[in-house]
PDB file of N, CA and C in Angstrom:
ATOM      1  N   VAL A   1       0.628 206.975 -82.364  1.00  0.00           N
ATOM      2  CA  VAL A   1       1.012 208.302 -81.942  1.00  0.00           C
ATOM      3  C   VAL A   1       0.540 209.279 -83.017  1.00  0.00           C
ATOM      4  N   VAL A   2      -0.069 210.380 -82.588  1.00  0.00           N
ATOM      5  CA  VAL A   2      -0.479 211.435 -83.519  1.00  0.00           C
ATOM      6  C   VAL A   2       0.431 212.637 -83.294  1.00  0.00           C
ATOM      7  N   MET A   3       1.108 213.059 -84.357  1.00  0.00           N
ATOM      8  CA  MET A   3       2.033 214.195 -84.271  1.00  0.00           C
ATOM      9  C   MET A   3       1.422 215.401 -84.972  1.00  0.00           C
ATOM     10  N   GLY A   4       1.566 216.566 -84.346  1.00  0.00           N
ATOM     11  CA  GLY A   4       1.127 217.803 -84.980  1.00  0.00           C
ATOM     12  C   GLY A   4       1.999 218.127 -86.178  1.00  0.00           C
ATOM     13  N   THR A   5       1.384 218.704 -87.190  1.00  0.00           N
ATOM     14  CA  THR A   5       2.109 218.962 -88.441  1.00  0.00           C
ATOM     15  C   THR A   5       1.614 220.247 -89.089  1.00  0.00           C
ATOM     16  N   VAL A   6       2.546 221.051 -89.566  1.00  0.00           N
ATOM     17  CA  VAL A   6       2.201 222.228 -90.351  1.00  0.00           C
ATOM     18  C   VAL A   6       2.129 221.847 -91.825  1.00  0.00           C
ATOM     19  N   ALA A   7       3.076 221.015 -92.265  1.00  0.00           N
ATOM     20  CA  ALA A   7       3.101 220.527 -93.644  1.00  0.00           C
ATOM     21  C   ALA A   7       3.771 219.158 -93.655  1.00  0.00           C
ATOM     22  N   VAL A   8       3.394 218.339 -94.647  1.00  0.00           N
ATOM     23  CA  VAL A   8       3.935 216.995 -94.771  1.00  0.00           C
ATOM     24  C   VAL A   8       4.086 216.676 -96.252  1.00  0.00           C
ATOM     25  N   ASP A   9       5.104 215.889 -96.598  1.00  0.00           N
ATOM     26  CA  ASP A   9       5.247 215.489 -97.998  1.00  0.00           C
ATOM     27  C   ASP A   9       4.815 214.034 -98.171  1.00  0.00           C
ATOM     28  N   SER A  10       4.787 213.578 -99.395  1.00  0.00           N
ATOM     29  CA  SER A  10       4.274 212.229 -99.698  1.00  0.00           C
ATOM     30  C   SER A  10       5.156 211.118 -99.134  1.00  0.00           C
ATOM     31  N   GLN A  11       6.379 211.446 -98.715  1.00  0.00           N
ATOM     32  CA  GLN A  11       7.285 210.461 -98.135  1.00  0.00           C
ATOM     33  C   GLN A  11       7.132 210.355 -96.623  1.00  0.00           C
ATOM     34  N   GLY A  12       6.246 211.177 -96.035  1.00  0.00           N
ATOM     35  CA  GLY A  12       6.033 211.145 -94.596  1.00  0.00           C
ATOM     36  C   GLY A  12       6.933 212.094 -93.823  1.00  0.00           C
ATOM     37  N   ARG A  13       7.730 212.888 -94.532  1.00  0.00           N
ATOM     38  CA  ARG A  13       8.553 213.890 -93.857  1.00  0.00           C
ATOM     39  C   ARG A  13       7.641 215.054 -93.471  1.00  0.00           C
ATOM     40  N   ARG A  14       7.754 215.518 -92.216  1.00  0.00           N
ATOM     41  CA  ARG A  14       6.852 216.546 -91.730  1.00  0.00           C
ATOM     42  C   ARG A  14       7.614 217.701 -91.112  1.00  0.00           C
ATOM     43  N   ILE A  15       6.926 218.795 -91.037  1.00  0.00           N
ATOM     44  CA  ILE A  15       7.453 219.940 -90.299  1.00  0.00           C
ATOM     45  C   ILE A  15       6.363 220.370 -89.325  1.00  0.00           C
ATOM     46  N   GLY A  16       6.778 220.619 -88.097  1.00  0.00           N
ATOM     47  CA  GLY A  16       5.837 221.080 -87.082  1.00  0.00           C
ATOM     48  C   GLY A  16       5.933 222.586 -86.946  1.00  0.00           C
ATOM     49  N   LYS A  17       5.795 223.053 -85.745  1.00  0.00           N
ATOM     50  CA  LYS A  17       5.888 224.501 -85.503  1.00  0.00           C
ATOM     51  C   LYS A  17       7.328 224.960 -85.350  1.00  0.00           C
ATOM     52  N   GLY A  18       8.247 224.029 -85.334  1.00  0.00           N
ATOM     53  CA  GLY A  18       9.660 224.377 -85.175  1.00  0.00           C
ATOM     54  C   GLY A  18      10.140 224.084 -83.766  1.00  0.00           C
ATOM     55  N   GLY A  19      11.418 223.880 -83.629  1.00  0.00           N
ATOM     56  CA  GLY A  19      11.999 223.625 -82.326  1.00  0.00           C
ATOM     57  C   GLY A  19      12.189 222.159 -82.004  1.00  0.00           C
ATOM     58  N   GLY A  20      11.599 221.269 -82.792  1.00  0.00           N
ATOM     59  CA  GLY A  20      11.802 219.839 -82.594  1.00  0.00           C
ATOM     60  C   GLY A  20      11.135 219.252 -81.366  1.00  0.00           C
ATOM     61  N   PHE A  21      10.114 219.936 -80.818  1.00  0.00           N
ATOM     62  CA  PHE A  21       9.491 219.439 -79.593  1.00  0.00           C
ATOM     63  C   PHE A  21       8.757 218.118 -79.793  1.00  0.00           C
ATOM     64  N   SER A  22       8.037 217.957 -80.902  1.00  0.00           N
ATOM     65  CA  SER A  22       7.341 216.677 -81.150  1.00  0.00           C
ATOM     66  C   SER A  22       8.348 215.545 -81.305  1.00  0.00           C
ATOM     67  N   ASP A  23       9.427 215.814 -82.022  1.00  0.00           N
ATOM     68  CA  ASP A  23      10.466 214.798 -82.204  1.00  0.00           C
ATOM     69  C   ASP A  23      11.099 214.439 -80.862  1.00  0.00           C
ATOM     70  N   LEU A  24      11.303 215.449 -80.026  1.00  0.00           N
ATOM     71  CA  LEU A  24      11.886 215.228 -78.705  1.00  0.00           C
ATOM     72  C   LEU A  24      10.935 214.416 -77.822  1.00  0.00           C
ATOM     73  N   GLU A  25       9.646 214.731 -77.867  1.00  0.00           N
ATOM     74  CA  GLU A  25       8.667 213.962 -77.088  1.00  0.00           C
ATOM     75  C   GLU A  25       8.672 212.495 -77.512  1.00  0.00           C
ATOM     76  N   LEU A  26       8.753 212.246 -78.817  1.00  0.00           N
ATOM     77  CA  LEU A  26       8.791 210.870 -79.301  1.00  0.00           C
ATOM     78  C   LEU A  26      10.092 210.185 -78.863  1.00  0.00           C
ATOM     79  N   ALA A  27      11.193 210.914 -78.881  1.00  0.00           N
ATOM     80  CA  ALA A  27      12.463 210.350 -78.426  1.00  0.00           C
ATOM     81  C   ALA A  27      12.395 209.989 -76.945  1.00  0.00           C
ATOM     82  N   LEU A  28      11.770 210.842 -76.135  1.00  0.00           N
ATOM     83  CA  LEU A  28      11.615 210.550 -74.704  1.00  0.00           C
ATOM     84  C   LEU A  28      10.741 209.311 -74.500  1.00  0.00           C
ATOM     85  N   ALA A  29       9.662 209.199 -75.267  1.00  0.00           N
ATOM     86  CA  ALA A  29       8.795 208.024 -75.170  1.00  0.00           C
ATOM     87  C   ALA A  29       9.525 206.763 -75.613  1.00  0.00           C
ATOM     88  N   THR A  30      10.396 206.889 -76.611  1.00  0.00           N
ATOM     89  CA  THR A  30      11.197 205.757 -77.074  1.00  0.00           C
ATOM     90  C   THR A  30      12.172 205.323 -75.981  1.00  0.00           C
ATOM     91  N   GLU A  31      12.863 206.296 -75.386  1.00  0.00           N
ATOM     92  CA  GLU A  31      13.820 205.991 -74.315  1.00  0.00           C
ATOM     93  C   GLU A  31      13.133 205.308 -73.137  1.00  0.00           C
ATOM     94  N   ALA A  32      11.859 205.685 -72.894  1.00  0.00           N
ATOM     95  CA  ALA A  32      11.104 205.108 -71.779  1.00  0.00           C
ATOM     96  C   ALA A  32      10.495 203.758 -72.136  1.00  0.00           C
ATOM     97  N   GLY A  33      10.652 203.313 -73.382  1.00  0.00           N
ATOM     98  CA  GLY A  33      10.104 202.032 -73.812  1.00  0.00           C
ATOM     99  C   GLY A  33       8.612 202.070 -74.092  1.00  0.00           C
ATOM    100  N   LEU A  34       8.044 203.264 -74.229  1.00  0.00           N
ATOM    101  CA  LEU A  34       6.604 203.399 -74.471  1.00  0.00           C
ATOM    102  C   LEU A  34       6.239 203.274 -75.937  1.00  0.00           C
ATOM    103  N   VAL A  35       7.182 203.566 -76.820  1.00  0.00           N
ATOM    104  CA  VAL A  35       6.982 203.401 -78.258  1.00  0.00           C
ATOM    105  C   VAL A  35       8.207 202.708 -78.824  1.00  0.00           C
ATOM    106  N   GLY A  36       8.047 202.101 -79.985  1.00  0.00           N
ATOM    107  CA  GLY A  36       9.155 201.389 -80.603  1.00  0.00           C
ATOM    108  C   GLY A  36       9.013 201.357 -82.103  1.00  0.00           C
ATOM    109  N   PRO A  37       9.795 200.535 -82.775  1.00  0.00           N
ATOM    110  CA  PRO A  37       9.787 200.486 -84.235  1.00  0.00           C
ATOM    111  C   PRO A  37       8.433 200.097 -84.831  1.00  0.00           C
ATOM    112  N   ASP A  38       7.598 199.410 -84.064  1.00  0.00           N
ATOM    113  CA  ASP A  38       6.290 198.998 -84.586  1.00  0.00           C
ATOM    114  C   ASP A  38       5.188 200.014 -84.316  1.00  0.00           C
ATOM    115  N   THR A  39       5.507 201.087 -83.617  1.00  0.00           N
ATOM    116  CA  THR A  39       4.516 202.114 -83.314  1.00  0.00           C
ATOM    117  C   THR A  39       4.145 202.863 -84.591  1.00  0.00           C
ATOM    118  N   ILE A  40       2.847 202.997 -84.841  1.00  0.00           N
ATOM    119  CA  ILE A  40       2.363 203.738 -86.008  1.00  0.00           C
ATOM    120  C   ILE A  40       2.315 205.221 -85.652  1.00  0.00           C
ATOM    121  N   ILE A  41       2.935 206.039 -86.477  1.00  0.00           N
ATOM    122  CA  ILE A  41       2.949 207.480 -86.268  1.00  0.00           C
ATOM    123  C   ILE A  41       2.081 208.111 -87.351  1.00  0.00           C
ATOM    124  N   THR A  42       1.131 208.921 -86.901  1.00  0.00           N
ATOM    125  CA  THR A  42       0.121 209.489 -87.787  1.00  0.00           C
ATOM    126  C   THR A  42       0.082 210.995 -87.632  1.00  0.00           C
ATOM    127  N   THR A  43      -0.382 211.684 -88.661  1.00  0.00           N
ATOM    128  CA  THR A  43      -0.674 213.106 -88.553  1.00  0.00           C
ATOM    129  C   THR A  43      -2.009 213.386 -89.220  1.00  0.00           C
ATOM    130  N   THR A  44      -2.688 214.405 -88.756  1.00  0.00           N
ATOM    131  CA  THR A  44      -3.941 214.835 -89.381  1.00  0.00           C
ATOM    132  C   THR A  44      -3.734 216.246 -89.906  1.00  0.00           C
ATOM    133  N   VAL A  45      -4.050 216.431 -91.178  1.00  0.00           N
ATOM    134  CA  VAL A  45      -3.864 217.732 -91.829  1.00  0.00           C
ATOM    135  C   VAL A  45      -4.975 217.951 -92.858  1.00  0.00           C
ATOM    136  N   HIS A  46      -5.057 219.170 -93.343  1.00  0.00           N
ATOM    137  CA  HIS A  46      -5.934 219.480 -94.478  1.00  0.00           C
ATOM    138  C   HIS A  46      -5.161 219.155 -95.753  1.00  0.00           C
ATOM    139  N   GLU A  47      -5.875 218.884 -96.824  1.00  0.00           N
ATOM    140  CA  GLU A  47      -5.201 218.551 -98.096  1.00  0.00           C
ATOM    141  C   GLU A  47      -4.191 219.612 -98.525  1.00  0.00           C
ATOM    142  N   THR A  48      -4.480 220.875 -98.217  1.00  0.00           N
ATOM    143  CA  THR A  48      -3.567 221.949 -98.627  1.00  0.00           C
ATOM    144  C   THR A  48      -2.236 221.901 -97.883  1.00  0.00           C
ATOM    145  N   GLN A  49      -2.153 221.105 -96.815  1.00  0.00           N
ATOM    146  CA  GLN A  49      -0.911 220.979 -96.056  1.00  0.00           C
ATOM    147  C   GLN A  49      -0.035 219.832 -96.548  1.00  0.00           C
ATOM    148  N   VAL A  50      -0.528 219.085 -97.536  1.00  0.00           N
ATOM    149  CA  VAL A  50       0.236 217.972 -98.106  1.00  0.00           C
ATOM    150  C   VAL A  50       0.930 218.483 -99.362  1.00  0.00           C
ATOM    151  N   LEU A  51       2.262 218.438 -99.368  1.00  0.00           N
ATOM    152  CA  LEU A  51       3.011 218.895-100.536  1.00  0.00           C
ATOM    153  C   LEU A  51       2.740 217.987-101.728  1.00  0.00           C
ATOM    154  N   GLY A  52       2.861 218.540-102.929  1.00  0.00           N
ATOM    155  CA  GLY A  52       2.641 217.781-104.146  1.00  0.00           C
ATOM    156  C   GLY A  52       3.777 216.818-104.439  1.00  0.00           C
ATOM    157  N   GLU A  53       3.514 215.881-105.360  1.00  0.00           N
ATOM    158  CA  GLU A  53       4.546 214.925-105.781  1.00  0.00           C
ATOM    159  C   GLU A  53       5.781 215.688-106.231  1.00  0.00           C
ATOM    160  N   GLY A  54       6.930 215.203-105.827  1.00  0.00           N
ATOM    161  CA  GLY A  54       8.192 215.830-106.209  1.00  0.00           C
ATOM    162  C   GLY A  54       8.641 216.930-105.267  1.00  0.00           C
ATOM    163  N   GLU A  55       7.740 217.414-104.415  1.00  0.00           N
ATOM    164  CA  GLU A  55       8.123 218.412-103.422  1.00  0.00           C
ATOM    165  C   GLU A  55       8.536 217.682-102.155  1.00  0.00           C
ATOM    166  N   ALA A  56       9.590 218.154-101.515  1.00  0.00           N
ATOM    167  CA  ALA A  56      10.106 217.457-100.339  1.00  0.00           C
ATOM    168  C   ALA A  56      10.396 218.430 -99.208  1.00  0.00           C
ATOM    169  N   ILE A  57      10.152 217.966 -98.009  1.00  0.00           N
ATOM    170  CA  ILE A  57      10.496 218.727 -96.815  1.00  0.00           C
ATOM    171  C   ILE A  57      11.900 218.301 -96.396  1.00  0.00           C
ATOM    172  N   PRO A  58      12.818 219.257 -96.247  1.00  0.00           N
ATOM    173  CA  PRO A  58      14.173 218.888 -95.801  1.00  0.00           C
ATOM    174  C   PRO A  58      14.130 218.413 -94.354  1.00  0.00           C
ATOM    175  N   THR A  59      15.005 217.485 -94.013  1.00  0.00           N
ATOM    176  CA  THR A  59      15.039 216.952 -92.656  1.00  0.00           C
ATOM    177  C   THR A  59      16.438 217.088 -92.063  1.00  0.00           C
ATOM    178  N   VAL A  60      16.484 217.016 -90.743  1.00  0.00           N
ATOM    179  CA  VAL A  60      17.748 216.985 -90.007  1.00  0.00           C
ATOM    180  C   VAL A  60      17.742 215.731 -89.150  1.00  0.00           C
ATOM    181  N   ALA A  61      18.829 215.484 -88.443  1.00  0.00           N
ATOM    182  CA  ALA A  61      19.018 214.218 -87.732  1.00  0.00           C
ATOM    183  C   ALA A  61      17.897 213.864 -86.765  1.00  0.00           C
ATOM    184  N   HIS A  62      17.328 214.843 -86.053  1.00  0.00           N
ATOM    185  CA  HIS A  62      16.330 214.514 -85.037  1.00  0.00           C
ATOM    186  C   HIS A  62      14.906 214.378 -85.585  1.00  0.00           C
ATOM    187  N   ASP A  63      14.690 214.649 -86.861  1.00  0.00           N
ATOM    188  CA  ASP A  63      13.339 214.617 -87.428  1.00  0.00           C
ATOM    189  C   ASP A  63      12.775 213.203 -87.502  1.00  0.00           C
ATOM    190  N   VAL A  64      11.504 213.098 -87.177  1.00  0.00           N
ATOM    191  CA  VAL A  64      10.792 211.822 -87.221  1.00  0.00           C
ATOM    192  C   VAL A  64       9.656 211.959 -88.235  1.00  0.00           C
ATOM    193  N   GLY A  65       9.526 210.994 -89.122  1.00  0.00           N
ATOM    194  CA  GLY A  65       8.477 211.022 -90.128  1.00  0.00           C
ATOM    195  C   GLY A  65       7.224 210.306 -89.650  1.00  0.00           C
ATOM    196  N   VAL A  66       6.215 210.283 -90.514  1.00  0.00           N
ATOM    197  CA  VAL A  66       4.942 209.642 -90.178  1.00  0.00           C
ATOM    198  C   VAL A  66       4.662 208.482 -91.133  1.00  0.00           C
ATOM    199  N   HIS A  67       3.896 207.503 -90.630  1.00  0.00           N
ATOM    200  CA  HIS A  67       3.449 206.389 -91.461  1.00  0.00           C
ATOM    201  C   HIS A  67       2.195 206.772 -92.243  1.00  0.00           C
ATOM    202  N   LEU A  68       1.262 207.443 -91.544  1.00  0.00           N
ATOM    203  CA  LEU A  68      -0.033 207.766 -92.128  1.00  0.00           C
ATOM    204  C   LEU A  68      -0.287 209.260 -92.100  1.00  0.00           C
ATOM    205  N   ILE A  69      -0.871 209.745 -93.193  1.00  0.00           N
ATOM    206  CA  ILE A  69      -1.276 211.144 -93.309  1.00  0.00           C
ATOM    207  C   ILE A  69      -2.788 211.118 -93.517  1.00  0.00           C
ATOM    208  N   VAL A  70      -3.530 211.640 -92.547  1.00  0.00           N
ATOM    209  CA  VAL A  70      -4.986 211.606 -92.609  1.00  0.00           C
ATOM    210  C   VAL A  70      -5.501 213.009 -92.908  1.00  0.00           C
ATOM    211  N   THR A  71      -6.260 213.127 -93.998  1.00  0.00           N
ATOM    212  CA  THR A  71      -6.896 214.393 -94.367  1.00  0.00           C
ATOM    213  C   THR A  71      -8.412 214.193 -94.261  1.00  0.00           C
ATOM    214  N   PRO A  72      -9.199 215.249 -94.438  1.00  0.00           N
ATOM    215  CA  PRO A  72     -10.652 215.069 -94.376  1.00  0.00           C
ATOM    216  C   PRO A  72     -11.209 214.102 -95.423  1.00  0.00           C
ATOM    217  N   THR A  73     -10.455 213.881 -96.514  1.00  0.00           N
ATOM    218  CA  THR A  73     -11.001 213.043 -97.584  1.00  0.00           C
ATOM    219  C   THR A  73     -10.202 211.789 -97.892  1.00  0.00           C
ATOM    220  N   GLN A  74      -9.036 211.619 -97.294  1.00  0.00           N
ATOM    221  CA  GLN A  74      -8.227 210.446 -97.637  1.00  0.00           C
ATOM    222  C   GLN A  74      -7.230 210.082 -96.544  1.00  0.00           C
ATOM    223  N   ILE A  75      -6.725 208.864 -96.645  1.00  0.00           N
ATOM    224  CA  ILE A  75      -5.639 208.397 -95.783  1.00  0.00           C
ATOM    225  C   ILE A  75      -4.492 208.011 -96.704  1.00  0.00           C
ATOM    226  N   LEU A  76      -3.353 208.663 -96.524  1.00  0.00           N
ATOM    227  CA  LEU A  76      -2.174 208.399 -97.342  1.00  0.00           C
ATOM    228  C   LEU A  76      -1.169 207.622 -96.514  1.00  0.00           C
ATOM    229  N   ARG A  77      -0.560 206.626 -97.121  1.00  0.00           N
ATOM    230  CA  ARG A  77       0.484 205.842 -96.458  1.00  0.00           C
ATOM    231  C   ARG A  77       1.840 206.242 -97.037  1.00  0.00           C
ATOM    232  N   ALA A  78       2.744 206.584 -96.149  1.00  0.00           N
ATOM    233  CA  ALA A  78       4.100 206.912 -96.586  1.00  0.00           C
ATOM    234  C   ALA A  78       4.796 205.613 -96.998  1.00  0.00           C
ATOM    235  N   PRO A  79       5.614 205.647 -98.032  1.00  0.00           N
ATOM    236  CA  PRO A  79       6.303 204.428 -98.484  1.00  0.00           C
ATOM    237  C   PRO A  79       7.373 203.973 -97.491  1.00  0.00           C
ATOM    238  N   PRO A  80       7.714 202.693 -97.507  1.00  0.00           N
ATOM    239  CA  PRO A  80       8.703 202.143 -96.569  1.00  0.00           C
ATOM    240  C   PRO A  80      10.041 202.857 -96.487  1.00  0.00           C
ATOM    241  N   PRO A  81      10.598 203.437 -97.561  1.00  0.00           N
ATOM    242  CA  PRO A  81      11.901 204.089 -97.376  1.00  0.00           C
ATOM    243  C   PRO A  81      11.884 205.171 -96.304  1.00  0.00           C
ATOM    244  N   ALA A  82      10.747 205.755 -96.032  1.00  0.00           N
ATOM    245  CA  ALA A  82      10.662 206.793 -95.009  1.00  0.00           C
ATOM    246  C   ALA A  82      10.851 206.210 -93.614  1.00  0.00           C
ATOM    247  N   GLN A  83      10.868 204.882 -93.501  1.00  0.00           N
ATOM    248  CA  GLN A  83      11.065 204.240 -92.204  1.00  0.00           C
ATOM    249  C   GLN A  83      12.361 204.693 -91.547  1.00  0.00           C
ATOM    250  N   THR A  84      13.358 205.058 -92.339  1.00  0.00           N
ATOM    251  CA  THR A  84      14.630 205.460 -91.747  1.00  0.00           C
ATOM    252  C   THR A  84      14.452 206.677 -90.854  1.00  0.00           C
ATOM    253  N   LEU A  85      13.500 207.548 -91.178  1.00  0.00           N
ATOM    254  CA  LEU A  85      13.237 208.697 -90.322  1.00  0.00           C
ATOM    255  C   LEU A  85      12.681 208.252 -88.973  1.00  0.00           C
ATOM    256  N   ARG A  86      11.868 207.208 -88.984  1.00  0.00           N
ATOM    257  CA  ARG A  86      11.163 206.809 -87.770  1.00  0.00           C
ATOM    258  C   ARG A  86      11.994 205.916 -86.859  1.00  0.00           C
ATOM    259  N   CYS A  87      13.012 205.288 -87.372  1.00  0.00           N
ATOM    260  CA  CYS A  87      13.761 204.312 -86.586  1.00  0.00           C
ATOM    261  C   CYS A  87      14.819 204.952 -85.699  1.00  0.00           C
ATOM    262  N   LYS A  88      15.033 206.222 -85.817  1.00  0.00           N
ATOM    263  CA  LYS A  88      16.128 206.832 -85.073  1.00  0.00           C
ATOM    264  C   LYS A  88      15.651 207.829 -84.032  1.00  0.00           C
ATOM    265  N   ALA A  89      14.453 207.626 -83.515  1.00  0.00           N
ATOM    266  CA  ALA A  89      13.944 208.533 -82.488  1.00  0.00           C
ATOM    267  C   ALA A  89      14.807 208.398 -81.243  1.00  0.00           C
ATOM    268  N   SER A  90      15.685 209.333 -81.054  1.00  0.00           N
ATOM    269  CA  SER A  90      16.522 209.350 -79.864  1.00  0.00           C
ATOM    270  C   SER A  90      16.842 210.796 -79.524  1.00  0.00           C
ATOM    271  N   ILE A  91      17.314 211.001 -78.327  1.00  0.00           N
ATOM    272  CA  ILE A  91      17.623 212.350 -77.873  1.00  0.00           C
ATOM    273  C   ILE A  91      18.994 212.740 -78.400  1.00  0.00           C
ATOM    274  N   PHE A  92      19.049 213.801 -79.148  1.00  0.00           N
ATOM    275  CA  PHE A  92      20.303 214.329 -79.670  1.00  0.00           C
ATOM    276  C   PHE A  92      20.760 215.428 -78.714  1.00  0.00           C
ATOM    277  N   TRP A  93      21.432 215.013 -77.655  1.00  0.00           N
ATOM    278  CA  TRP A  93      21.809 215.941 -76.585  1.00  0.00           C
ATOM    279  C   TRP A  93      22.616 217.119 -77.100  1.00  0.00           C
ATOM    280  N   GLU A  94      23.480 216.878 -78.071  1.00  0.00           N
ATOM    281  CA  GLU A  94      24.338 217.951 -78.572  1.00  0.00           C
ATOM    282  C   GLU A  94      23.543 219.054 -79.261  1.00  0.00           C
ATOM    283  N   GLU A  95      22.303 218.777 -79.657  1.00  0.00           N
ATOM    284  CA  GLU A  95      21.463 219.790 -80.308  1.00  0.00           C
ATOM    285  C   GLU A  95      20.596 220.566 -79.321  1.00  0.00           C
ATOM    286  N   LEU A  96      20.544 220.125 -78.074  1.00  0.00           N
ATOM    287  CA  LEU A  96      19.690 220.785 -77.085  1.00  0.00           C
ATOM    288  C   LEU A  96      20.442 221.920 -76.396  1.00  0.00           C
ATOM    289  N   THR A  97      19.789 223.067 -76.321  1.00  0.00           N
ATOM    290  CA  THR A  97      20.393 224.192 -75.619  1.00  0.00           C
ATOM    291  C   THR A  97      20.205 224.011 -74.115  1.00  0.00           C
ATOM    292  N   ALA A  98      21.027 224.699 -73.349  1.00  0.00           N
ATOM    293  CA  ALA A  98      20.893 224.659 -71.890  1.00  0.00           C
ATOM    294  C   ALA A  98      19.514 225.159 -71.470  1.00  0.00           C
ATOM    295  N   GLU A  99      18.985 226.139 -72.193  1.00  0.00           N
ATOM    296  CA  GLU A  99      17.669 226.688 -71.874  1.00  0.00           C
ATOM    297  C   GLU A  99      16.570 225.647 -72.083  1.00  0.00           C
ATOM    298  N   LYS A 100      16.659 224.879 -73.184  1.00  0.00           N
ATOM    299  CA  LYS A 100      15.638 223.867 -73.439  1.00  0.00           C
ATOM    300  C   LYS A 100      15.699 222.769 -72.382  1.00  0.00           C
ATOM    301  N   ILE A 101      16.903 222.335 -72.039  1.00  0.00           N
ATOM    302  CA  ILE A 101      17.056 221.309 -71.002  1.00  0.00           C
ATOM    303  C   ILE A 101      16.504 221.823 -69.672  1.00  0.00           C
ATOM    304  N   ALA A 102      16.803 223.065 -69.346  1.00  0.00           N
ATOM    305  CA  ALA A 102      16.334 223.648 -68.090  1.00  0.00           C
ATOM    306  C   ALA A 102      14.817 223.771 -68.049  1.00  0.00           C
ATOM    307  N   SER A 103      14.186 223.937 -69.202  1.00  0.00           N
ATOM    308  CA  SER A 103      12.732 224.131 -69.241  1.00  0.00           C
ATOM    309  C   SER A 103      11.953 222.820 -69.217  1.00  0.00           C
ATOM    310  N   ILE A 104      12.631 221.684 -69.332  1.00  0.00           N
ATOM    311  CA  ILE A 104      11.960 220.381 -69.368  1.00  0.00           C
ATOM    312  C   ILE A 104      12.560 219.516 -68.260  1.00  0.00           C
ATOM    313  N   PRO A 105      11.860 219.411 -67.118  1.00  0.00           N
ATOM    314  CA  PRO A 105      12.408 218.674 -65.973  1.00  0.00           C
ATOM    315  C   PRO A 105      12.854 217.245 -66.294  1.00  0.00           C
ATOM    316  N   LEU A 106      12.132 216.541 -67.149  1.00  0.00           N
ATOM    317  CA  LEU A 106      12.528 215.178 -67.486  1.00  0.00           C
ATOM    318  C   LEU A 106      13.898 215.155 -68.164  1.00  0.00           C
ATOM    319  N   LEU A 107      14.171 216.130 -69.016  1.00  0.00           N
ATOM    320  CA  LEU A 107      15.488 216.207 -69.649  1.00  0.00           C
ATOM    321  C   LEU A 107      16.576 216.455 -68.611  1.00  0.00           C
ATOM    322  N   GLN A 108      16.268 217.258 -67.617  1.00  0.00           N
ATOM    323  CA  GLN A 108      17.236 217.512 -66.557  1.00  0.00           C
ATOM    324  C   GLN A 108      17.607 216.215 -65.847  1.00  0.00           C
ATOM    325  N   ARG A 109      16.603 215.358 -65.608  1.00  0.00           N
ATOM    326  CA  ARG A 109      16.861 214.092 -64.911  1.00  0.00           C
ATOM    327  C   ARG A 109      17.594 213.084 -65.790  1.00  0.00           C
ATOM    328  N   LEU A 110      17.329 213.098 -67.092  1.00  0.00           N
ATOM    329  CA  LEU A 110      17.924 212.107 -67.996  1.00  0.00           C
ATOM    330  C   LEU A 110      19.280 212.533 -68.555  1.00  0.00           C
ATOM    331  N   ARG A 111      19.612 213.795 -68.441  1.00  0.00           N
ATOM    332  CA  ARG A 111      20.833 214.313 -69.054  1.00  0.00           C
ATOM    333  C   ARG A 111      22.064 213.527 -68.598  1.00  0.00           C
ATOM    334  N   PRO A 112      22.840 213.027 -69.564  1.00  0.00           N
ATOM    335  CA  PRO A 112      24.078 212.321 -69.210  1.00  0.00           C
ATOM    336  C   PRO A 112      25.047 213.273 -68.514  1.00  0.00           C
ATOM    337  N   SER A 113      25.860 212.757 -67.640  1.00  0.00           N
ATOM    338  CA  SER A 113      26.805 213.587 -66.900  1.00  0.00           C
ATOM    339  C   SER A 113      27.773 214.315 -67.846  1.00  0.00           C
ATOM    340  N   SER A 114      27.999 213.770 -69.024  1.00  0.00           N
ATOM    341  CA  SER A 114      28.897 214.418 -69.985  1.00  0.00           C
ATOM    342  C   SER A 114      28.272 215.677 -70.585  1.00  0.00           C
ATOM    343  N   GLN A 115      26.957 215.880 -70.383  1.00  0.00           N
ATOM    344  CA  GLN A 115      26.257 217.028 -70.932  1.00  0.00           C
ATOM    345  C   GLN A 115      26.033 218.129 -69.909  1.00  0.00           C
ATOM    346  N   THR A 116      26.599 218.002 -68.719  1.00  0.00           N
ATOM    347  CA  THR A 116      26.382 219.025 -67.684  1.00  0.00           C
ATOM    348  C   THR A 116      27.433 220.097 -67.737  1.00  0.00           C
TER     349      THR A 116
END
């Protein structure tokens, strides 16, 4: 899986354009059984988008990290501790607004009855 990224740190923590849409798409694919713990998650960025050592991107519960960071000149592998970000790809219904659910038909169909 290739995820869009605005910036990424050396641990594989990434930030996209905001809104958690990439994380949500991965959670939907996980729920559908299309991806799993062995799926490699990659991003392609320019070197200037990779934070320096010691700099970290803050994460929240729904954030998914990457295994590989591909730049024009190198391929970086995130260390195993970042796996915790990737193992929890699931839909956090309590974080989704009614507007976001309404705008994504698949979410409307999957929404648990407790979320209506």
